[in-house]
Protein backbone atom coordinates (compact mmCIF):
# COMPACT_ATOMS: atom_id res chain seq x y z
CA SER A 1 -2.70 -7.00 -8.16
CA ILE A 2 0.13 -8.23 -10.32
CA ALA A 3 1.94 -4.91 -10.37
CA SER A 4 1.45 -4.03 -6.71
CA ALA A 5 2.74 -7.44 -5.62
CA ASP A 6 5.58 -7.25 -8.19
CA MET A 7 4.94 -10.91 -8.97
CA ASP A 8 7.66 -13.11 -10.33
CA LEU A 9 6.78 -15.52 -13.15
CA ASN A 10 5.87 -18.38 -10.82
CA GLN A 11 3.54 -16.20 -8.76
CA LEU A 12 2.08 -14.77 -11.94
CA ASP A 13 1.34 -18.27 -13.28
CA VAL A 14 -0.45 -19.29 -10.07
CA PHE A 15 -2.41 -15.98 -10.00
CA LEU A 16 -3.49 -16.18 -13.62
CA THR A 17 -4.48 -19.84 -13.31
CA ALA A 18 -6.70 -18.92 -10.36
CA GLN A 19 -8.22 -16.08 -12.38
CA THR A 20 -9.10 -18.40 -15.25
CA LYS A 21 -10.89 -20.78 -12.88
CA LYS A 22 -13.05 -18.05 -11.30
CA PRO A 23 -16.61 -17.76 -12.58
CA GLY A 24 -16.58 -14.78 -14.92
CA GLY A 25 -12.81 -14.68 -14.83
CA ILE A 26 -10.38 -14.33 -17.70
CA THR A 27 -9.85 -16.78 -20.53
CA ALA A 28 -6.70 -18.79 -21.06
CA GLU A 29 -5.87 -16.61 -24.06
CA GLN A 30 -6.21 -13.45 -21.98
CA ALA A 31 -3.98 -15.00 -19.32
CA ALA A 32 -1.34 -15.76 -21.95
CA VAL A 33 -1.41 -12.16 -23.20
CA ILE A 34 -1.13 -10.77 -19.65
CA ALA A 35 1.77 -13.13 -18.88
CA LYS A 36 3.60 -12.13 -22.06
CA PHE A 37 3.05 -8.41 -21.33
CA TRP A 38 4.24 -8.80 -17.73
CA LYS A 39 7.31 -10.76 -18.78
CA ASN A 40 8.29 -8.03 -21.26
CA HIS A 41 7.32 -4.93 -19.25
CA ARG A 42 7.65 -5.91 -15.58
CA ALA A 43 10.68 -3.69 -14.95
CA LYS A 44 9.05 -0.65 -16.61
CA VAL A 45 5.80 -1.08 -14.70
CA HIS A 46 7.63 -1.53 -11.40
CA GLU A 47 9.82 1.53 -12.06
CA SER A 48 6.75 3.62 -12.89
CA LEU A 49 4.95 2.58 -9.69
CA VAL A 50 7.98 3.31 -7.54
CA SER A 51 8.52 6.74 -9.10
CA ARG A 52 4.85 7.67 -8.51
CA SER A 53 4.90 6.52 -4.92
CA ARG A 54 8.26 7.98 -3.89
CA TRP A 55 8.08 10.90 -1.50
CA ASP A 56 9.63 14.01 -2.93
CA ASN A 57 8.15 15.96 -0.08
CA VAL A 58 9.91 17.35 2.96
CA LEU A 59 8.70 17.40 6.53
CA ARG A 60 7.99 20.99 7.52
CA ASN A 61 6.47 20.52 10.91
CA LEU A 62 5.72 17.68 13.29
CA SER A 63 3.67 17.88 16.47
CA TRP A 64 2.22 15.21 18.66
CA ARG A 65 0.30 14.77 21.84
CA VAL A 66 -1.04 11.94 24.00
CA ASP A 67 -4.63 12.24 25.20
CA LEU A 68 -5.30 10.58 28.55
CA LYS A 69 -8.41 10.18 30.65
CA ALA A 70 -7.87 12.43 33.66
CA GLN A 71 -11.14 11.72 35.36
CA HIS A 72 -13.32 8.64 35.58
CA ARG A 73 -15.83 7.14 37.92
CA HIS A 74 -13.59 4.17 38.70
CA LEU A 75 -9.94 4.80 39.55
CA GLN A 76 -8.77 1.66 37.65
CA GLN A 77 -9.97 3.09 34.34
CA ILE A 78 -7.97 6.32 34.51
CA ASN A 79 -5.28 6.40 31.76
CA THR A 80 -6.13 2.89 30.55
CA THR A 81 -6.62 3.87 26.90
CA PRO A 82 -4.28 6.68 25.91
CA VAL A 83 -4.53 7.96 22.36
CA ALA A 84 -1.53 9.39 20.49
CA ILE A 85 -2.23 12.04 17.89
CA VAL A 86 0.46 12.95 15.38
CA GLU A 87 0.17 15.92 13.01
CA MET A 88 2.59 16.22 10.11
CA GLU A 89 2.87 19.08 7.67
CA LEU A 90 4.51 18.20 4.36
CA GLY A 91 5.85 20.55 1.72
CA LYS A 92 7.26 20.09 -1.72
CA ASN A 93 11.00 20.35 -2.20
CA GLY A 94 11.98 23.91 -3.08
CA GLN A 95 8.76 25.43 -1.76
């Protein structure tokens, strides 16, 4: 939660305080260790998460269609709930 939200120190303090108050949560000592680790390694953790989530893929193909009701017992219900379907084909760079 801390890493995905990229919490600043104020947010981290509020989050850890809440975790210490939960039944079965962390201790104050554990919260202090986590805070110290996050303060020292926040940039590295954030950089690692961004590099793992970055798309190095390329879009090879894209097709889409809209499905509509063409027939229905009541005329008012024709085309009332169209559904768009998108198909994407991804490939790795250089492949």
